[in-house]
Amino acid sequence: MDNILRDGTQIDQTVFKDLDLKETASPAVSDFIVVPALYTGNLHIEIVAKTQCTIHGEVLTLGNESAVEIEPYVDIEYFDRKKNSVFKLEKYVKIPIGIYSAGTIMSEFSLPFKFLKNIENGDKCYYVKISLNYVKATSSGKLNAYLLWI
């Protein structure tokens, strides 16, 4: 079981364990993650390639046959103690398209909380779910994601 990163950082919770990008439907959604320390501002998510990972986003066709690939991204949904949705931050952080060698950090970000003071029941959040949005057909490899208290 994972409990510490190579740099000595203690892992609080595992968000995704051996998530196979080729086999898992997108978006990949975590279980409910307990975040009682959310309002300290010290909670951080780190997404790490377990094996070599290739990750791609949706390709949008624009006029005259030109196309653009949108970077994969992470959504964060906040829930109260009864697991009722309070708010969802869509496309909160992007993951650069590319190939990541095993052990490489693909994305890292803090769980935002200050905006919750302006949302009804924003002070009641106790759980979050992390959604990883990517294109399964052109992505491959396994990754892990961790909740860290820094």
N, C-alpha and C. Protein backbone atom coordinates (compact mmCIF):
# COMPACT_ATOMS: atom_id res chain seq x y z
N MET A 1 0.84 -1.18 0.00
CA MET A 1 0.00 0.00 0.00
C MET A 1 0.89 1.25 0.00
N ASP A 2 0.50 2.20 -0.84
CA ASP A 2 1.25 3.44 -0.92
C ASP A 2 0.98 4.29 0.31
N ASN A 3 2.03 4.87 0.89
CA ASN A 3 1.81 5.78 2.01
C ASN A 3 2.82 6.92 2.03
N ILE A 4 3.80 6.86 1.13
CA ILE A 4 4.80 7.93 1.10
C ILE A 4 5.35 8.04 -0.33
N LEU A 5 5.58 9.27 -0.77
CA LEU A 5 6.15 9.49 -2.10
C LEU A 5 7.67 9.43 -2.03
N ARG A 6 8.32 9.38 -3.19
CA ARG A 6 9.78 9.28 -3.24
C ARG A 6 10.49 10.42 -2.52
N ASP A 7 9.84 11.61 -2.52
CA ASP A 7 10.47 12.76 -1.86
C ASP A 7 10.20 12.81 -0.36
N GLY A 8 9.52 11.79 0.17
CA GLY A 8 9.24 11.72 1.59
C GLY A 8 7.89 12.30 2.00
N THR A 9 7.13 12.83 1.04
CA THR A 9 5.81 13.40 1.35
C THR A 9 4.85 12.29 1.74
N GLN A 10 4.16 12.49 2.85
CA GLN A 10 3.19 11.52 3.35
C GLN A 10 1.90 11.59 2.53
N ILE A 11 1.39 10.45 2.10
CA ILE A 11 0.13 10.36 1.37
C ILE A 11 -1.00 10.25 2.38
N ASP A 12 -1.98 11.13 2.27
CA ASP A 12 -3.13 11.08 3.16
C ASP A 12 -4.14 10.04 2.66
N GLN A 13 -4.49 10.09 1.36
CA GLN A 13 -5.43 9.15 0.78
C GLN A 13 -5.04 8.88 -0.67
N THR A 14 -5.38 7.70 -1.17
CA THR A 14 -5.18 7.38 -2.57
C THR A 14 -6.48 7.69 -3.31
N VAL A 15 -6.39 8.52 -4.31
CA VAL A 15 -7.56 8.93 -5.10
C VAL A 15 -7.81 7.93 -6.22
N PHE A 16 -6.78 7.61 -6.99
CA PHE A 16 -6.83 6.59 -8.04
C PHE A 16 -5.66 5.66 -7.82
N LYS A 17 -5.92 4.36 -7.87
CA LYS A 17 -4.87 3.35 -7.70
C LYS A 17 -4.81 2.51 -8.97
N ASP A 18 -3.68 2.54 -9.66
CA ASP A 18 -3.47 1.77 -10.89
C ASP A 18 -4.58 2.00 -11.91
N LEU A 19 -4.97 3.26 -12.09
CA LEU A 19 -6.01 3.60 -13.06
C LEU A 19 -5.47 3.36 -14.46
N ASP A 20 -6.07 2.44 -15.19
CA ASP A 20 -5.64 2.09 -16.53
C ASP A 20 -6.37 2.97 -17.54
N LEU A 21 -5.65 3.87 -18.18
CA LEU A 21 -6.26 4.83 -19.09
C LEU A 21 -6.89 4.16 -20.30
N LYS A 22 -6.36 3.02 -20.71
CA LYS A 22 -6.87 2.32 -21.89
C LYS A 22 -8.15 1.53 -21.55
N GLU A 23 -8.32 1.15 -20.30
CA GLU A 23 -9.44 0.30 -19.90
C GLU A 23 -10.56 1.03 -19.17
N THR A 24 -10.27 2.17 -18.57
CA THR A 24 -11.25 2.88 -17.74
C THR A 24 -12.02 3.89 -18.58
N ALA A 25 -13.34 3.88 -18.44
CA ALA A 25 -14.17 4.84 -19.16
C ALA A 25 -13.86 6.26 -18.68
N SER A 26 -13.94 7.20 -19.61
CA SER A 26 -13.71 8.60 -19.28
C SER A 26 -15.06 9.31 -19.20
N PRO A 27 -15.30 10.13 -18.20
CA PRO A 27 -14.33 10.50 -17.18
C PRO A 27 -14.17 9.41 -16.13
N ALA A 28 -12.95 9.27 -15.61
CA ALA A 28 -12.69 8.37 -14.49
C ALA A 28 -13.03 9.18 -13.23
N VAL A 29 -13.93 8.67 -12.42
CA VAL A 29 -14.40 9.41 -11.25
C VAL A 29 -13.98 8.67 -9.99
N SER A 30 -13.38 9.40 -9.06
CA SER A 30 -12.95 8.80 -7.79
C SER A 30 -14.15 8.47 -6.92
N ASP A 31 -13.90 7.72 -5.88
CA ASP A 31 -14.90 7.53 -4.83
C ASP A 31 -14.99 8.85 -4.06
N PHE A 32 -15.91 8.90 -3.09
CA PHE A 32 -15.97 10.07 -2.21
C PHE A 32 -14.67 10.14 -1.41
N ILE A 33 -14.05 11.30 -1.39
CA ILE A 33 -12.81 11.51 -0.65
C ILE A 33 -13.14 12.40 0.54
N VAL A 34 -12.88 11.90 1.74
CA VAL A 34 -13.13 12.69 2.94
C VAL A 34 -12.08 13.79 3.03
N VAL A 35 -12.53 15.05 3.18
CA VAL A 35 -11.61 16.18 3.24
C VAL A 35 -11.93 17.08 4.44
N PRO A 36 -11.83 16.54 5.66
CA PRO A 36 -12.16 17.37 6.82
C PRO A 36 -11.22 18.56 6.99
N ALA A 37 -10.03 18.51 6.39
CA ALA A 37 -9.07 19.62 6.51
C ALA A 37 -9.15 20.55 5.31
N LEU A 38 -10.25 20.49 4.55
CA LEU A 38 -10.40 21.29 3.34
C LEU A 38 -10.15 22.77 3.59
N TYR A 39 -10.69 23.30 4.66
CA TYR A 39 -10.65 24.75 4.89
C TYR A 39 -9.31 25.24 5.43
N THR A 40 -8.35 24.35 5.62
CA THR A 40 -7.01 24.78 6.01
C THR A 40 -6.23 25.29 4.80
N GLY A 41 -6.65 24.88 3.61
CA GLY A 41 -5.94 25.26 2.39
C GLY A 41 -4.70 24.44 2.15
N ASN A 42 -4.54 23.34 2.87
CA ASN A 42 -3.32 22.54 2.77
C ASN A 42 -3.50 21.22 2.02
N LEU A 43 -4.64 21.02 1.36
CA LEU A 43 -4.87 19.76 0.65
C LEU A 43 -4.46 19.90 -0.81
N HIS A 44 -3.76 18.89 -1.29
CA HIS A 44 -3.10 18.93 -2.58
C HIS A 44 -3.32 17.58 -3.27
N ILE A 45 -3.58 17.59 -4.57
CA ILE A 45 -3.72 16.36 -5.36
C ILE A 45 -2.51 16.26 -6.28
N GLU A 46 -1.95 15.06 -6.36
CA GLU A 46 -0.84 14.80 -7.26
C GLU A 46 -1.19 13.58 -8.10
N ILE A 47 -1.11 13.74 -9.43
CA ILE A 47 -1.37 12.65 -10.37
C ILE A 47 -0.03 12.21 -10.93
N VAL A 48 0.30 10.92 -10.76
CA VAL A 48 1.62 10.40 -11.10
C VAL A 48 1.50 9.21 -12.05
N ALA A 49 2.30 9.19 -13.10
CA ALA A 49 2.33 8.05 -14.01
C ALA A 49 2.94 6.85 -13.27
N LYS A 50 2.20 5.74 -13.21
CA LYS A 50 2.75 4.53 -12.59
C LYS A 50 3.60 3.76 -13.61
N THR A 51 3.07 3.68 -14.83
CA THR A 51 3.81 3.13 -15.96
C THR A 51 3.93 4.26 -16.98
N GLN A 52 4.58 4.00 -18.09
CA GLN A 52 4.59 5.04 -19.12
C GLN A 52 3.16 5.32 -19.54
N CYS A 53 2.76 6.59 -19.53
CA CYS A 53 1.40 6.99 -19.88
C CYS A 53 1.40 7.91 -21.08
N THR A 54 0.46 7.68 -21.96
CA THR A 54 0.16 8.59 -23.05
C THR A 54 -1.25 9.08 -22.79
N ILE A 55 -1.44 10.40 -22.77
CA ILE A 55 -2.78 10.93 -22.49
C ILE A 55 -3.16 11.98 -23.53
N HIS A 56 -4.40 11.85 -24.00
CA HIS A 56 -4.92 12.74 -25.02
C HIS A 56 -6.31 13.22 -24.64
N GLY A 57 -6.69 14.36 -25.21
CA GLY A 57 -8.01 14.92 -25.00
C GLY A 57 -8.85 14.81 -26.25
N GLU A 58 -10.03 15.37 -26.16
CA GLU A 58 -10.98 15.33 -27.26
C GLU A 58 -10.48 16.19 -28.43
N VAL A 59 -10.70 15.69 -29.64
CA VAL A 59 -10.35 16.44 -30.84
C VAL A 59 -11.62 17.07 -31.39
N LEU A 60 -11.60 18.39 -31.51
CA LEU A 60 -12.74 19.12 -32.05
C LEU A 60 -12.43 19.55 -33.47
N THR A 61 -13.37 19.30 -34.37
CA THR A 61 -13.20 19.72 -35.75
C THR A 61 -13.82 21.10 -35.90
N LEU A 62 -13.03 22.01 -36.39
CA LEU A 62 -13.49 23.37 -36.63
C LEU A 62 -13.85 23.50 -38.11
N GLY A 63 -14.30 24.65 -38.50
CA GLY A 63 -14.65 24.86 -39.91
C GLY A 63 -13.49 24.56 -40.84
N ASN A 64 -13.81 24.20 -42.07
CA ASN A 64 -12.81 23.93 -43.12
C ASN A 64 -11.85 22.81 -42.74
N GLU A 65 -12.32 21.81 -42.02
CA GLU A 65 -11.57 20.60 -41.70
C GLU A 65 -10.37 20.78 -40.80
N SER A 66 -10.19 21.94 -40.18
CA SER A 66 -9.10 22.08 -39.23
C SER A 66 -9.58 21.50 -37.89
N ALA A 67 -8.68 20.95 -37.15
CA ALA A 67 -9.03 20.31 -35.88
C ALA A 67 -8.09 20.78 -34.79
N VAL A 68 -8.59 20.76 -33.56
CA VAL A 68 -7.78 21.13 -32.42
C VAL A 68 -8.04 20.11 -31.31
N GLU A 69 -6.98 19.72 -30.62
CA GLU A 69 -7.12 18.77 -29.52
C GLU A 69 -7.17 19.53 -28.20
N ILE A 70 -8.23 19.28 -27.45
CA ILE A 70 -8.39 19.92 -26.14
C ILE A 70 -7.63 19.08 -25.12
N GLU A 71 -6.89 19.74 -24.25
CA GLU A 71 -6.11 19.03 -23.24
C GLU A 71 -7.04 18.28 -22.27
N PRO A 72 -6.61 17.09 -21.82
CA PRO A 72 -7.36 16.41 -20.77
C PRO A 72 -7.47 17.32 -19.55
N TYR A 73 -8.49 17.13 -18.73
CA TYR A 73 -8.69 18.03 -17.60
C TYR A 73 -9.30 17.31 -16.40
N VAL A 74 -9.28 18.02 -15.27
CA VAL A 74 -9.79 17.50 -14.00
C VAL A 74 -10.95 18.37 -13.54
N ASP A 75 -12.05 17.73 -13.14
CA ASP A 75 -13.18 18.40 -12.49
C ASP A 75 -13.13 18.03 -11.01
N ILE A 76 -13.61 18.95 -10.16
CA ILE A 76 -13.72 18.68 -8.72
C ILE A 76 -15.15 18.95 -8.31
N GLU A 77 -15.79 17.98 -7.67
CA GLU A 77 -17.14 18.18 -7.16
C GLU A 77 -17.12 18.10 -5.64
N TYR A 78 -17.78 19.05 -5.00
CA TYR A 78 -17.82 19.16 -3.54
C TYR A 78 -19.16 18.65 -3.03
N PHE A 79 -19.12 17.94 -1.89
CA PHE A 79 -20.32 17.35 -1.30
C PHE A 79 -20.38 17.66 0.19
N ASP A 80 -21.61 17.67 0.75
CA ASP A 80 -21.77 17.85 2.19
C ASP A 80 -21.66 16.49 2.89
N ARG A 81 -21.86 16.45 4.20
CA ARG A 81 -21.72 15.21 4.98
C ARG A 81 -22.71 14.12 4.57
N LYS A 82 -23.85 14.54 4.00
CA LYS A 82 -24.86 13.57 3.55
C LYS A 82 -24.63 13.15 2.09
N LYS A 83 -23.52 13.58 1.54
CA LYS A 83 -23.11 13.28 0.17
C LYS A 83 -24.03 13.90 -0.88
N ASN A 84 -24.60 15.05 -0.54
CA ASN A 84 -25.35 15.84 -1.50
C ASN A 84 -24.37 16.79 -2.19
N SER A 85 -24.50 16.93 -3.49
CA SER A 85 -23.61 17.82 -4.23
C SER A 85 -23.84 19.26 -3.81
N VAL A 86 -22.74 19.98 -3.57
CA VAL A 86 -22.79 21.40 -3.22
C VAL A 86 -22.38 22.25 -4.42
N PHE A 87 -21.30 21.86 -5.10
CA PHE A 87 -20.78 22.66 -6.21
C PHE A 87 -19.80 21.81 -7.02
N LYS A 88 -19.72 22.10 -8.32
CA LYS A 88 -18.77 21.41 -9.18
C LYS A 88 -17.92 22.43 -9.92
N LEU A 89 -16.62 22.29 -9.80
CA LEU A 89 -15.66 23.09 -10.57
C LEU A 89 -15.31 22.28 -11.81
N GLU A 90 -15.73 22.76 -12.96
CA GLU A 90 -15.47 22.04 -14.19
C GLU A 90 -14.19 22.55 -14.85
N LYS A 91 -13.45 21.62 -15.42
CA LYS A 91 -12.19 21.94 -16.10
C LYS A 91 -11.28 22.77 -15.21
N TYR A 92 -11.14 22.36 -13.96
CA TYR A 92 -10.37 23.12 -12.98
C TYR A 92 -8.89 23.19 -13.34
N VAL A 93 -8.33 22.06 -13.74
CA VAL A 93 -6.91 22.03 -14.11
C VAL A 93 -6.74 21.16 -15.36
N LYS A 94 -5.84 21.57 -16.24
CA LYS A 94 -5.56 20.82 -17.46
C LYS A 94 -4.33 19.96 -17.27
N ILE A 95 -4.31 18.86 -17.99
CA ILE A 95 -3.14 17.97 -18.01
C ILE A 95 -2.55 18.07 -19.41
N PRO A 96 -1.30 18.48 -19.53
CA PRO A 96 -0.72 18.60 -20.86
C PRO A 96 -0.75 17.27 -21.63
N ILE A 97 -1.13 17.34 -22.88
CA ILE A 97 -1.14 16.18 -23.76
C ILE A 97 0.29 15.69 -23.90
N GLY A 98 0.49 14.37 -23.87
CA GLY A 98 1.84 13.89 -24.08
C GLY A 98 2.10 12.51 -23.53
N ILE A 99 3.37 12.18 -23.50
CA ILE A 99 3.85 10.89 -23.00
C ILE A 99 4.63 11.17 -21.71
N TYR A 100 4.29 10.43 -20.66
CA TYR A 100 4.92 10.60 -19.35
C TYR A 100 5.59 9.29 -18.95
N SER A 101 6.85 9.35 -18.58
CA SER A 101 7.54 8.14 -18.13
C SER A 101 7.08 7.78 -16.72
N ALA A 102 7.26 6.53 -16.34
CA ALA A 102 6.85 6.07 -15.01
C ALA A 102 7.49 6.93 -13.93
N GLY A 103 6.68 7.33 -12.94
CA GLY A 103 7.17 8.13 -11.84
C GLY A 103 7.05 9.64 -12.06
N THR A 104 6.68 10.05 -13.28
CA THR A 104 6.57 11.47 -13.60
C THR A 104 5.24 12.03 -13.09
N ILE A 105 5.31 13.23 -12.52
CA ILE A 105 4.08 13.91 -12.10
C ILE A 105 3.40 14.47 -13.34
N MET A 106 2.17 14.05 -13.57
CA MET A 106 1.40 14.50 -14.73
C MET A 106 0.66 15.79 -14.44
N SER A 107 0.24 15.94 -13.18
CA SER A 107 -0.47 17.15 -12.77
C SER A 107 -0.44 17.23 -11.25
N GLU A 108 -0.44 18.45 -10.73
CA GLU A 108 -0.55 18.66 -9.30
C GLU A 108 -1.27 19.96 -9.05
N PHE A 109 -2.13 19.97 -8.04
CA PHE A 109 -2.92 21.16 -7.76
C PHE A 109 -3.46 21.09 -6.34
N SER A 110 -3.75 22.26 -5.80
CA SER A 110 -4.37 22.34 -4.48
C SER A 110 -5.88 22.31 -4.64
N LEU A 111 -6.57 21.78 -3.63
CA LEU A 111 -8.02 21.80 -3.64
C LEU A 111 -8.46 23.20 -3.20
N PRO A 112 -9.09 23.94 -4.09
CA PRO A 112 -9.50 25.29 -3.74
C PRO A 112 -10.68 25.28 -2.76
N PHE A 113 -10.74 26.28 -1.91
CA PHE A 113 -11.82 26.33 -0.93
C PHE A 113 -12.35 27.74 -0.70
N LYS A 114 -11.56 28.77 -0.96
CA LYS A 114 -11.99 30.14 -0.62
C LYS A 114 -13.25 30.57 -1.36
N PHE A 115 -13.44 30.11 -2.59
CA PHE A 115 -14.63 30.48 -3.35
C PHE A 115 -15.90 29.92 -2.72
N LEU A 116 -15.77 28.90 -1.87
CA LEU A 116 -16.95 28.26 -1.27
C LEU A 116 -17.72 29.21 -0.34
N LYS A 117 -17.06 30.25 0.17
CA LYS A 117 -17.74 31.18 1.07
C LYS A 117 -18.85 31.94 0.35
N ASN A 118 -18.79 32.01 -0.98
CA ASN A 118 -19.80 32.71 -1.77
C ASN A 118 -20.88 31.79 -2.33
N ILE A 119 -20.86 30.53 -1.93
CA ILE A 119 -21.80 29.55 -2.45
C ILE A 119 -22.68 29.05 -1.31
N GLU A 120 -23.97 28.90 -1.58
CA GLU A 120 -24.87 28.38 -0.57
C GLU A 120 -24.38 27.01 -0.10
N ASN A 121 -24.27 26.83 1.19
CA ASN A 121 -23.76 25.61 1.83
C ASN A 121 -22.29 25.34 1.53
N GLY A 122 -21.59 26.32 1.05
CA GLY A 122 -20.17 26.17 0.76
C GLY A 122 -19.33 25.89 2.00
N ASP A 123 -19.85 26.26 3.15
CA ASP A 123 -19.14 26.02 4.40
C ASP A 123 -19.45 24.64 4.98
N LYS A 124 -20.18 23.83 4.25
CA LYS A 124 -20.60 22.51 4.73
C LYS A 124 -19.91 21.36 3.98
N CYS A 125 -18.94 21.66 3.14
CA CYS A 125 -18.31 20.61 2.32
C CYS A 125 -17.44 19.70 3.17
N TYR A 126 -17.58 18.39 2.93
CA TYR A 126 -16.86 17.39 3.70
C TYR A 126 -16.23 16.32 2.80
N TYR A 127 -16.76 16.20 1.60
CA TYR A 127 -16.24 15.23 0.63
C TYR A 127 -15.98 15.92 -0.70
N VAL A 128 -15.10 15.34 -1.50
CA VAL A 128 -14.93 15.73 -2.89
C VAL A 128 -14.84 14.46 -3.73
N LYS A 129 -15.12 14.64 -5.02
CA LYS A 129 -14.85 13.61 -6.03
C LYS A 129 -14.01 14.27 -7.10
N ILE A 130 -13.01 13.56 -7.57
CA ILE A 130 -12.14 14.03 -8.63
C ILE A 130 -12.49 13.27 -9.90
N SER A 131 -12.70 13.99 -11.00
CA SER A 131 -12.99 13.37 -12.29
C SER A 131 -11.86 13.69 -13.25
N LEU A 132 -11.33 12.66 -13.88
CA LEU A 132 -10.26 12.81 -14.87
C LEU A 132 -10.88 12.58 -16.24
N ASN A 133 -10.87 13.62 -17.07
CA ASN A 133 -11.49 13.59 -18.40
C ASN A 133 -10.41 13.50 -19.46
N TYR A 134 -10.46 12.45 -20.28
CA TYR A 134 -9.47 12.21 -21.33
C TYR A 134 -10.12 11.34 -22.39
N VAL A 135 -9.42 11.05 -23.47
CA VAL A 135 -9.94 10.18 -24.52
C VAL A 135 -9.32 8.80 -24.36
N LYS A 136 -10.17 7.84 -24.01
CA LYS A 136 -9.73 6.47 -23.75
C LYS A 136 -9.07 5.82 -24.97
N ALA A 137 -9.62 6.05 -26.16
CA ALA A 137 -9.14 5.38 -27.37
C ALA A 137 -7.69 5.72 -27.71
N THR A 138 -7.23 6.91 -27.35
CA THR A 138 -5.87 7.32 -27.72
C THR A 138 -4.94 7.48 -26.51
N SER A 139 -5.42 7.07 -25.34
CA SER A 139 -4.61 7.17 -24.12
C SER A 139 -4.24 5.77 -23.66
N SER A 140 -3.13 5.66 -22.93
CA SER A 140 -2.71 4.36 -22.44
C SER A 140 -1.81 4.53 -21.22
N GLY A 141 -1.60 3.42 -20.51
CA GLY A 141 -0.75 3.43 -19.33
C GLY A 141 -1.57 3.46 -18.05
N LYS A 142 -0.87 3.35 -16.93
CA LYS A 142 -1.51 3.37 -15.61
C LYS A 142 -1.00 4.55 -14.80
N LEU A 143 -1.91 5.13 -14.02
CA LEU A 143 -1.52 6.24 -13.17
C LEU A 143 -2.09 6.07 -11.77
N ASN A 144 -1.51 6.78 -10.84
CA ASN A 144 -2.01 6.87 -9.47
C ASN A 144 -2.25 8.34 -9.17
N ALA A 145 -3.17 8.61 -8.28
CA ALA A 145 -3.41 9.98 -7.84
C ALA A 145 -3.56 9.94 -6.31
N TYR A 146 -2.98 10.94 -5.66
CA TYR A 146 -2.93 10.97 -4.21
C TYR A 146 -3.42 12.29 -3.67
N LEU A 147 -4.04 12.23 -2.51
CA LEU A 147 -4.37 13.41 -1.72
C LEU A 147 -3.28 13.58 -0.68
N LEU A 148 -2.67 14.75 -0.68
CA LEU A 148 -1.58 15.04 0.25
C LEU A 148 -2.00 16.20 1.13
N TRP A 149 -1.58 16.18 2.37
CA TRP A 149 -1.80 17.30 3.27
C TRP A 149 -0.45 17.96 3.45
N ILE A 150 -0.25 19.13 2.81
CA ILE A 150 1.06 19.77 2.81
C ILE A 150 1.03 21.05 3.64
